[in-house]
Amino acid sequence: MLAPSHPSLDAFYAADGRRRHSRERDLGLLWRDEGTAAFRAAWLEGTGEIYLFMYERVDGSGGWVHVLDRRFTVREVVSSFEGYREVCGHAGSLRWFLDRAGAGRALAAAA
């Protein structure tokens, strides 16, 4: 469910010029897995992409951008992630996000 990853936000934006000028809709600043990884999620209006930016960890890993390989309309984003503010930030909340995105456990394997 995830498209190829990018090693940084700059690399992500550089890979498709439409991304730099697209409006973004924030989908949560702190999605947490069961371990120490944490992510910011956003939807890009111009491409329909949802990306997850993995915050850098204490050990220096992270900083990656993972892109869901399906595109979402604004209507799908609103309906799929309704109630995300109540879930985001809790341990294991990333699973909720991926389930709602239809991504299952793909990101856990990529991280």
C-alpha atoms as a PDB file:
ATOM      1  CA  MET A   1       0.000   0.000   0.000  1.00  0.00           C
ATOM      2  CA  LEU A   2       3.025   2.307   0.242  1.00  0.00           C
ATOM      3  CA  ALA A   3       4.782   3.838  -2.704  1.00  0.00           C
ATOM      4  CA  PRO A   4       8.575   4.156  -2.612  1.00  0.00           C
ATOM      5  CA  SER A   5       9.873   6.142   0.327  1.00  0.00           C
ATOM      6  CA  HIS A   6      11.823   9.361   0.201  1.00  0.00           C
ATOM      7  CA  PRO A   7      14.755  10.059   2.551  1.00  0.00           C
ATOM      8  CA  SER A   8      13.518  13.578   3.419  1.00  0.00           C
ATOM      9  CA  LEU A   9      10.675  16.030   2.890  1.00  0.00           C
ATOM     10  CA  ASP A  10      12.848  17.918   0.400  1.00  0.00           C
ATOM     11  CA  ALA A  11      13.340  14.746  -1.653  1.00  0.00           C
ATOM     12  CA  PHE A  12       9.611  14.015  -1.494  1.00  0.00           C
ATOM     13  CA  TYR A  13       8.669  17.474  -2.797  1.00  0.00           C
ATOM     14  CA  ALA A  14      11.419  17.416  -5.442  1.00  0.00           C
ATOM     15  CA  ALA A  15      10.186  14.096  -6.866  1.00  0.00           C
ATOM     16  CA  ASP A  16       6.952  15.706  -8.115  1.00  0.00           C
ATOM     17  CA  GLY A  17       6.776  19.442  -8.749  1.00  0.00           C
ATOM     18  CA  ARG A  18       3.015  19.515  -8.105  1.00  0.00           C
ATOM     19  CA  ARG A  19       3.667  18.776  -4.443  1.00  0.00           C
ATOM     20  CA  ARG A  20       5.473  22.063  -3.727  1.00  0.00           C
ATOM     21  CA  HIS A  21       2.495  24.165  -4.766  1.00  0.00           C
ATOM     22  CA  SER A  22      -0.289  21.952  -3.483  1.00  0.00           C
ATOM     23  CA  ARG A  23      -2.478  22.816  -0.533  1.00  0.00           C
ATOM     24  CA  GLU A  24      -2.058  20.380   2.342  1.00  0.00           C
ATOM     25  CA  ARG A  25      -4.589  19.141   4.836  1.00  0.00           C
ATOM     26  CA  ASP A  26      -3.062  18.116   8.134  1.00  0.00           C
ATOM     27  CA  LEU A  27      -4.139  14.656   9.293  1.00  0.00           C
ATOM     28  CA  GLY A  28      -2.338  14.585  12.616  1.00  0.00           C
ATOM     29  CA  LEU A  29       1.063  15.543  13.968  1.00  0.00           C
ATOM     30  CA  LEU A  30       1.840  12.567  16.188  1.00  0.00           C
ATOM     31  CA  TRP A  31       0.834   9.134  14.959  1.00  0.00           C
ATOM     32  CA  ARG A  32       2.636   6.589  17.104  1.00  0.00           C
ATOM     33  CA  ASP A  33       3.435   2.949  16.497  1.00  0.00           C
ATOM     34  CA  GLU A  34       3.826   0.403  19.282  1.00  0.00           C
ATOM     35  CA  GLY A  35       7.527   1.272  19.609  1.00  0.00           C
ATOM     36  CA  THR A  36       9.304   4.617  19.415  1.00  0.00           C
ATOM     37  CA  ALA A  37       8.464   5.697  15.868  1.00  0.00           C
ATOM     38  CA  ALA A  38       6.215   8.725  15.380  1.00  0.00           C
ATOM     39  CA  PHE A  39       4.773  10.259  12.212  1.00  0.00           C
ATOM     40  CA  ARG A  40       3.052  13.345  10.861  1.00  0.00           C
ATOM     41  CA  ALA A  41       0.340  12.710   8.252  1.00  0.00           C
ATOM     42  CA  ALA A  42      -0.938  15.045   5.549  1.00  0.00           C
ATOM     43  CA  TRP A  43      -3.012  14.947   2.378  1.00  0.00           C
ATOM     44  CA  LEU A  44      -1.962  16.880  -0.737  1.00  0.00           C
ATOM     45  CA  GLU A  45      -4.873  18.333  -2.681  1.00  0.00           C
ATOM     46  CA  GLY A  46      -2.953  18.622  -5.957  1.00  0.00           C
ATOM     47  CA  THR A  47      -1.936  14.970  -6.147  1.00  0.00           C
ATOM     48  CA  GLY A  48      -4.442  13.226  -3.865  1.00  0.00           C
ATOM     49  CA  GLU A  49      -1.529  11.688  -1.968  1.00  0.00           C
ATOM     50  CA  ILE A  50      -1.367  11.002   1.728  1.00  0.00           C
ATOM     51  CA  TYR A  51       2.115  10.949   3.139  1.00  0.00           C
ATOM     52  CA  LEU A  52       3.536  10.014   6.495  1.00  0.00           C
ATOM     53  CA  PHE A  53       6.662  11.821   7.614  1.00  0.00           C
ATOM     54  CA  MET A  54       8.626   9.748  10.111  1.00  0.00           C
ATOM     55  CA  TYR A  55      10.158  11.980  12.771  1.00  0.00           C
ATOM     56  CA  GLU A  56      13.829  11.440  13.450  1.00  0.00           C
ATOM     57  CA  ARG A  57      14.507   9.161  16.400  1.00  0.00           C
ATOM     58  CA  VAL A  58      17.130   9.576  19.111  1.00  0.00           C
ATOM     59  CA  ASP A  59      19.339   7.031  17.309  1.00  0.00           C
ATOM     60  CA  GLY A  60      19.313   9.219  14.177  1.00  0.00           C
ATOM     61  CA  SER A  61      17.005   7.003  12.132  1.00  0.00           C
ATOM     62  CA  GLY A  62      13.872   8.461  10.625  1.00  0.00           C
ATOM     63  CA  GLY A  63      13.270  11.567   8.585  1.00  0.00           C
ATOM     64  CA  TRP A  64      11.709   9.387   5.867  1.00  0.00           C
ATOM     65  CA  VAL A  65       8.536  10.135   3.954  1.00  0.00           C
ATOM     66  CA  HIS A  66       6.246   7.206   3.175  1.00  0.00           C
ATOM     67  CA  VAL A  67       3.516   7.722   0.562  1.00  0.00           C
ATOM     68  CA  LEU A  68       0.346   5.686   0.407  1.00  0.00           C
ATOM     69  CA  ASP A  69       0.088   4.329  -3.107  1.00  0.00           C
ATOM     70  CA  ARG A  70      -3.596   5.126  -3.610  1.00  0.00           C
ATOM     71  CA  ARG A  71      -4.995   8.584  -4.214  1.00  0.00           C
ATOM     72  CA  PHE A  72      -7.754  10.108  -2.079  1.00  0.00           C
ATOM     73  CA  THR A  73     -10.395  12.705  -2.872  1.00  0.00           C
ATOM     74  CA  VAL A  74     -11.197  15.314  -0.246  1.00  0.00           C
ATOM     75  CA  ARG A  75     -14.468  13.497   0.428  1.00  0.00           C
ATOM     76  CA  GLU A  76     -12.590  10.225   1.059  1.00  0.00           C
ATOM     77  CA  VAL A  77     -10.139  11.959   3.377  1.00  0.00           C
ATOM     78  CA  VAL A  78     -12.922  13.509   5.442  1.00  0.00           C
ATOM     79  CA  SER A  79     -14.909  10.281   5.733  1.00  0.00           C
ATOM     80  CA  SER A  80     -11.944   7.920   6.207  1.00  0.00           C
ATOM     81  CA  PHE A  81     -10.259   9.904   8.961  1.00  0.00           C
ATOM     82  CA  GLU A  82     -13.257  11.265  10.831  1.00  0.00           C
ATOM     83  CA  GLY A  83     -12.420  11.416  14.526  1.00  0.00           C
ATOM     84  CA  TYR A  84      -8.649  11.288  14.030  1.00  0.00           C
ATOM     85  CA  ARG A  85      -8.020  14.061  16.555  1.00  0.00           C
ATOM     86  CA  GLU A  86      -9.288  11.833  19.360  1.00  0.00           C
ATOM     87  CA  VAL A  87      -6.948   8.980  18.370  1.00  0.00           C
ATOM     88  CA  CYS A  88      -3.783  10.741  17.215  1.00  0.00           C
ATOM     89  CA  GLY A  89      -1.047  10.899  19.832  1.00  0.00           C
ATOM     90  CA  HIS A  90      -1.924   7.694  21.637  1.00  0.00           C
ATOM     91  CA  ALA A  91       0.439   4.710  21.641  1.00  0.00           C
ATOM     92  CA  GLY A  92      -0.473   2.441  18.729  1.00  0.00           C
ATOM     93  CA  SER A  93      -2.539   5.133  16.973  1.00  0.00           C
ATOM     94  CA  LEU A  94      -0.667   4.548  13.713  1.00  0.00           C
ATOM     95  CA  ARG A  95      -2.488   1.221  13.313  1.00  0.00           C
ATOM     96  CA  TRP A  96      -5.835   3.087  13.441  1.00  0.00           C
ATOM     97  CA  PHE A  97      -4.588   5.498  10.773  1.00  0.00           C
ATOM     98  CA  LEU A  98      -3.336   2.745   8.462  1.00  0.00           C
ATOM     99  CA  ASP A  99      -6.513   0.727   8.868  1.00  0.00           C
ATOM    100  CA  ARG A 100      -8.585   3.766   7.929  1.00  0.00           C
ATOM    101  CA  ALA A 101      -6.312   4.406   4.929  1.00  0.00           C
ATOM    102  CA  GLY A 102      -6.607   0.782   3.863  1.00  0.00           C
ATOM    103  CA  ALA A 103      -2.856   0.331   4.344  1.00  0.00           C
ATOM    104  CA  GLY A 104      -2.979  -2.430   6.953  1.00  0.00           C
ATOM    105  CA  ARG A 105       0.455  -3.119   8.384  1.00  0.00           C
ATOM    106  CA  ALA A 106       2.499  -2.054   5.380  1.00  0.00           C
ATOM    107  CA  LEU A 107       4.118   0.937   7.058  1.00  0.00           C
ATOM    108  CA  ALA A 108       5.306  -1.089  10.040  1.00  0.00           C
ATOM    109  CA  ALA A 109       7.231  -3.296   7.627  1.00  0.00           C
ATOM    110  CA  ALA A 110       8.665  -0.250   5.829  1.00  0.00           C
ATOM    111  CA  ALA A 111       9.726   1.526   9.040  1.00  0.00           C
END
